PDB file of N, CA and C in Angstrom:
ATOM      1  N   UNK A   1     -11.069 -43.851  -9.530  1.00  0.00           N
ATOM      2  CA  UNK A   1     -10.579 -43.200 -10.714  1.00  0.00           C
ATOM      3  C   UNK A   1     -10.554 -41.683 -10.534  1.00  0.00           C
ATOM      4  N   UNK A   2     -11.582 -41.118  -9.929  1.00  0.00           N
ATOM      5  CA  UNK A   2     -11.606 -39.675  -9.734  1.00  0.00           C
ATOM      6  C   UNK A   2     -10.532 -39.232  -8.756  1.00  0.00           C
ATOM      7  N   UNK A   3     -10.199 -40.112  -7.831  1.00  0.00           N
ATOM      8  CA  UNK A   3      -9.159 -39.741  -6.863  1.00  0.00           C
ATOM      9  C   UNK A   3      -7.805 -39.609  -7.533  1.00  0.00           C
ATOM     10  N   UNK A   4      -7.489 -40.504  -8.445  1.00  0.00           N
ATOM     11  CA  UNK A   4      -6.194 -40.422  -9.108  1.00  0.00           C
ATOM     12  C   UNK A   4      -6.126 -39.209 -10.045  1.00  0.00           C
ATOM     13  N   UNK A   5      -7.242 -38.850 -10.658  1.00  0.00           N
ATOM     14  CA  UNK A   5      -7.245 -37.662 -11.518  1.00  0.00           C
ATOM     15  C   UNK A   5      -7.060 -36.410 -10.678  1.00  0.00           C
ATOM     16  N   UNK A   6      -7.741 -36.314  -9.563  1.00  0.00           N
ATOM     17  CA  UNK A   6      -7.598 -35.133  -8.725  1.00  0.00           C
ATOM     18  C   UNK A   6      -6.211 -35.065  -8.098  1.00  0.00           C
ATOM     19  N   UNK A   7      -5.627 -36.212  -7.785  1.00  0.00           N
ATOM     20  CA  UNK A   7      -4.266 -36.221  -7.256  1.00  0.00           C
ATOM     21  C   UNK A   7      -3.275 -35.750  -8.315  1.00  0.00           C
ATOM     22  N   UNK A   8      -3.470 -36.187  -9.547  1.00  0.00           N
ATOM     23  CA  UNK A   8      -2.588 -35.750 -10.631  1.00  0.00           C
ATOM     24  C   UNK A   8      -2.745 -34.258 -10.904  1.00  0.00           C
ATOM     25  N   UNK A   9      -3.958 -33.760 -10.837  1.00  0.00           N
ATOM     26  CA  UNK A   9      -4.182 -32.335 -11.041  1.00  0.00           C
ATOM     27  C   UNK A   9      -3.563 -31.510  -9.914  1.00  0.00           C
ATOM     28  N   UNK A  10      -3.649 -32.012  -8.700  1.00  0.00           N
ATOM     29  CA  UNK A  10      -3.032 -31.308  -7.579  1.00  0.00           C
ATOM     30  C   UNK A  10      -1.509 -31.307  -7.708  1.00  0.00           C
ATOM     31  N   UNK A  11      -0.934 -32.414  -8.150  1.00  0.00           N
ATOM     32  CA  UNK A  11       0.515 -32.478  -8.354  1.00  0.00           C
ATOM     33  C   UNK A  11       0.944 -31.547  -9.480  1.00  0.00           C
ATOM     34  N   UNK A  12       0.159 -31.464 -10.540  1.00  0.00           N
ATOM     35  CA  UNK A  12       0.464 -30.561 -11.639  1.00  0.00           C
ATOM     36  C   UNK A  12       0.381 -29.100 -11.181  1.00  0.00           C
ATOM     37  N   UNK A  13      -0.632 -28.776 -10.404  1.00  0.00           N
ATOM     38  CA  UNK A  13      -0.768 -27.414  -9.901  1.00  0.00           C
ATOM     39  C   UNK A  13       0.393 -27.049  -8.987  1.00  0.00           C
ATOM     40  N   UNK A  14       0.811 -27.961  -8.162  1.00  0.00           N
ATOM     41  CA  UNK A  14       1.947 -27.712  -7.272  1.00  0.00           C
ATOM     42  C   UNK A  14       3.237 -27.538  -8.067  1.00  0.00           C
ATOM     43  N   UNK A  15       3.418 -28.361  -9.082  1.00  0.00           N
ATOM     44  CA  UNK A  15       4.627 -28.247  -9.909  1.00  0.00           C
ATOM     45  C   UNK A  15       4.652 -26.918 -10.665  1.00  0.00           C
ATOM     46  N   UNK A  16       3.513 -26.475 -11.173  1.00  0.00           N
ATOM     47  CA  UNK A  16       3.462 -25.187 -11.859  1.00  0.00           C
ATOM     48  C   UNK A  16       3.710 -24.029 -10.909  1.00  0.00           C
ATOM     49  N   UNK A  17       3.223 -24.147  -9.678  1.00  0.00           N
ATOM     50  CA  UNK A  17       3.434 -23.093  -8.697  1.00  0.00           C
ATOM     51  C   UNK A  17       4.909 -23.004  -8.307  1.00  0.00           C
ATOM     52  N   UNK A  18       5.551 -24.137  -8.087  1.00  0.00           N
ATOM     53  CA  UNK A  18       6.979 -24.141  -7.757  1.00  0.00           C
ATOM     54  C   UNK A  18       7.796 -23.603  -8.924  1.00  0.00           C
ATOM     55  N   UNK A  19       7.423 -23.983 -10.136  1.00  0.00           N
ATOM     56  CA  UNK A  19       8.123 -23.508 -11.322  1.00  0.00           C
ATOM     57  C   UNK A  19       8.009 -21.992 -11.460  1.00  0.00           C
ATOM     58  N   UNK A  20       6.836 -21.445 -11.205  1.00  0.00           N
ATOM     59  CA  UNK A  20       6.670 -20.001 -11.324  1.00  0.00           C
ATOM     60  C   UNK A  20       7.421 -19.255 -10.235  1.00  0.00           C
ATOM     61  N   UNK A  21       7.521 -19.830  -9.058  1.00  0.00           N
ATOM     62  CA  UNK A  21       8.309 -19.197  -7.991  1.00  0.00           C
ATOM     63  C   UNK A  21       9.788 -19.173  -8.369  1.00  0.00           C
ATOM     64  N   UNK A  22      10.292 -20.270  -8.920  1.00  0.00           N
ATOM     65  CA  UNK A  22      11.693 -20.329  -9.332  1.00  0.00           C
ATOM     66  C   UNK A  22      11.963 -19.335 -10.452  1.00  0.00           C
ATOM     67  N   UNK A  23      11.093 -19.294 -11.449  1.00  0.00           N
ATOM     68  CA  UNK A  23      11.285 -18.366 -12.569  1.00  0.00           C
ATOM     69  C   UNK A  23      11.197 -16.922 -12.095  1.00  0.00           C
ATOM     70  N   UNK A  24      10.294 -16.639 -11.180  1.00  0.00           N
ATOM     71  CA  UNK A  24      10.175 -15.288 -10.654  1.00  0.00           C
ATOM     72  C   UNK A  24      11.389 -14.863  -9.861  1.00  0.00           C
ATOM     73  N   UNK A  25      11.950 -15.765  -9.083  1.00  0.00           N
ATOM     74  CA  UNK A  25      13.130 -15.409  -8.293  1.00  0.00           C
ATOM     75  C   UNK A  25      14.357 -15.226  -9.182  1.00  0.00           C
ATOM     76  N   UNK A  26      14.480 -16.016 -10.239  1.00  0.00           N
ATOM     77  CA  UNK A  26      15.594 -15.839 -11.176  1.00  0.00           C
ATOM     78  C   UNK A  26      15.453 -14.499 -11.898  1.00  0.00           C
ATOM     79  N   UNK A  27      14.241 -14.155 -12.316  1.00  0.00           N
ATOM     80  CA  UNK A  27      14.025 -12.876 -12.979  1.00  0.00           C
ATOM     81  C   UNK A  27      14.308 -11.724 -12.027  1.00  0.00           C
ATOM     82  N   UNK A  28      13.941 -11.874 -10.768  1.00  0.00           N
ATOM     83  CA  UNK A  28      14.210 -10.821  -9.786  1.00  0.00           C
ATOM     84  C   UNK A  28      15.707 -10.640  -9.570  1.00  0.00           C
ATOM     85  N   UNK A  29      16.456 -11.740  -9.529  1.00  0.00           N
ATOM     86  CA  UNK A  29      17.902 -11.634  -9.334  1.00  0.00           C
ATOM     87  C   UNK A  29      18.569 -10.960 -10.526  1.00  0.00           C
ATOM     88  N   UNK A  30      18.132 -11.281 -11.754  1.00  0.00           N
ATOM     89  CA  UNK A  30      18.710 -10.628 -12.924  1.00  0.00           C
ATOM     90  C   UNK A  30      18.362  -9.145 -12.953  1.00  0.00           C
ATOM     91  N   UNK A  31      17.144  -8.796 -12.529  1.00  0.00           N
ATOM     92  CA  UNK A  31      16.756  -7.391 -12.504  1.00  0.00           C
ATOM     93  C   UNK A  31      17.525  -6.646 -11.422  1.00  0.00           C
ATOM     94  N   UNK A  32      17.788  -7.295 -10.312  1.00  0.00           N
ATOM     95  CA  UNK A  32      18.514  -6.651  -9.219  1.00  0.00           C
ATOM     96  C   UNK A  32      19.966  -6.396  -9.612  1.00  0.00           C
ATOM     97  N   UNK A  33      20.541  -7.208 -10.485  1.00  0.00           N
ATOM     98  CA  UNK A  33      21.914  -6.985 -10.926  1.00  0.00           C
ATOM     99  C   UNK A  33      21.996  -5.801 -11.892  1.00  0.00           C
ATOM    100  N   UNK A  34      20.952  -5.571 -12.684  1.00  0.00           N
ATOM    101  CA  UNK A  34      21.005  -4.521 -13.692  1.00  0.00           C
ATOM    102  C   UNK A  34      20.582  -3.168 -13.143  1.00  0.00           C
ATOM    103  N   UNK A  35      19.609  -3.131 -12.266  1.00  0.00           N
ATOM    104  CA  UNK A  35      19.080  -1.864 -11.783  1.00  0.00           C
ATOM    105  C   UNK A  35      19.891  -1.387 -10.582  1.00  0.00           C
ATOM    106  N   UNK A  36      20.423  -0.174 -10.638  1.00  0.00           N
ATOM    107  CA  UNK A  36      21.164   0.336  -9.486  1.00  0.00           C
ATOM    108  C   UNK A  36      20.208   0.716  -8.358  1.00  0.00           C
ATOM    109  N   UNK A  37      20.629   0.490  -7.165  1.00  0.00           N
ATOM    110  CA  UNK A  37      19.798   0.863  -6.030  1.00  0.00           C
ATOM    111  C   UNK A  37      19.940   2.344  -5.757  1.00  0.00           C
ATOM    112  N   UNK A  38      19.059   2.885  -4.979  1.00  0.00           N
ATOM    113  CA  UNK A  38      19.089   4.324  -4.724  1.00  0.00           C
ATOM    114  C   UNK A  38      20.309   4.708  -3.893  1.00  0.00           C
ATOM    115  N   UNK A  39      20.803   3.811  -3.058  1.00  0.00           N
ATOM    116  CA  UNK A  39      21.970   4.127  -2.227  1.00  0.00           C
ATOM    117  C   UNK A  39      23.220   4.226  -3.095  1.00  0.00           C
ATOM    118  N   UNK A  40      23.415   3.298  -4.003  1.00  0.00           N
ATOM    119  CA  UNK A  40      24.596   3.362  -4.863  1.00  0.00           C
ATOM    120  C   UNK A  40      24.493   4.518  -5.852  1.00  0.00           C
ATOM    121  N   UNK A  41      23.282   4.828  -6.312  1.00  0.00           N
ATOM    122  CA  UNK A  41      23.119   5.966  -7.203  1.00  0.00           C
ATOM    123  C   UNK A  41      23.419   7.261  -6.460  1.00  0.00           C
ATOM    124  N   UNK A  42      22.990   7.354  -5.223  1.00  0.00           N
ATOM    125  CA  UNK A  42      23.254   8.546  -4.426  1.00  0.00           C
ATOM    126  C   UNK A  42      24.746   8.663  -4.118  1.00  0.00           C
ATOM    127  N   UNK A  43      25.382   7.545  -3.807  1.00  0.00           N
ATOM    128  CA  UNK A  43      26.809   7.564  -3.495  1.00  0.00           C
ATOM    129  C   UNK A  43      27.634   7.922  -4.726  1.00  0.00           C
ATOM    130  N   UNK A  44      27.243   7.428  -5.894  1.00  0.00           N
ATOM    131  CA  UNK A  44      28.006   7.750  -7.100  1.00  0.00           C
ATOM    132  C   UNK A  44      27.800   9.204  -7.513  1.00  0.00           C
ATOM    133  N   UNK A  45      26.655   9.775  -7.175  1.00  0.00           N
ATOM    134  CA  UNK A  45      26.409  11.182  -7.515  1.00  0.00           C
ATOM    135  C   UNK A  45      27.113  12.126  -6.556  1.00  0.00           C
ATOM    136  N   UNK A  46      27.261  11.764  -5.308  1.00  0.00           N
ATOM    137  CA  UNK A  46      27.854  12.679  -4.331  1.00  0.00           C
ATOM    138  C   UNK A  46      29.357  12.471  -4.177  1.00  0.00           C
ATOM    139  N   UNK A  47      29.898  11.339  -4.585  1.00  0.00           N
ATOM    140  CA  UNK A  47      31.322  11.072  -4.399  1.00  0.00           C
ATOM    141  C   UNK A  47      32.229  12.028  -5.174  1.00  0.00           C
ATOM    142  N   UNK A  48      32.002  12.328  -6.443  1.00  0.00           N
ATOM    143  CA  UNK A  48      32.908  13.250  -7.131  1.00  0.00           C
ATOM    144  C   UNK A  48      32.896  14.671  -6.553  1.00  0.00           C
ATOM    145  N   UNK A  49      31.738  15.154  -6.127  1.00  0.00           N
ATOM    146  CA  UNK A  49      31.669  16.500  -5.582  1.00  0.00           C
ATOM    147  C   UNK A  49      32.336  16.559  -4.204  1.00  0.00           C
ATOM    148  N   UNK A  50      32.296  15.459  -3.453  1.00  0.00           N
ATOM    149  CA  UNK A  50      32.939  15.446  -2.139  1.00  0.00           C
ATOM    150  C   UNK A  50      34.455  15.390  -2.294  1.00  0.00           C
ATOM    151  N   UNK A  51      34.955  14.710  -3.316  1.00  0.00           N
ATOM    152  CA  UNK A  51      36.391  14.605  -3.522  1.00  0.00           C
ATOM    153  C   UNK A  51      36.962  15.856  -4.212  1.00  0.00           C
ATOM    154  N   UNK A  52      36.137  16.571  -4.934  1.00  0.00           N
ATOM    155  CA  UNK A  52      36.627  17.748  -5.666  1.00  0.00           C
ATOM    156  C   UNK A  52      36.934  18.909  -4.736  1.00  0.00           C
ATOM    157  N   UNK A  53      36.219  18.993  -3.620  1.00  0.00           N
ATOM    158  CA  UNK A  53      36.384  20.150  -2.741  1.00  0.00           C
ATOM    159  C   UNK A  53      37.432  19.924  -1.729  1.00  0.00           C
TER     160      UNK A  53
END
């Protein structure tokens, strides 16, 4: 009986860990779409001054 309870608890812990990894990666992808990277921010800041001259 104790073996089946510990097996169920281990399966639950594994399922929660996989779920949190999936949720974290989805949140990271949404944040990466909204936040501009430093390279694109630098390129957008220097492009108008390079074309103006």
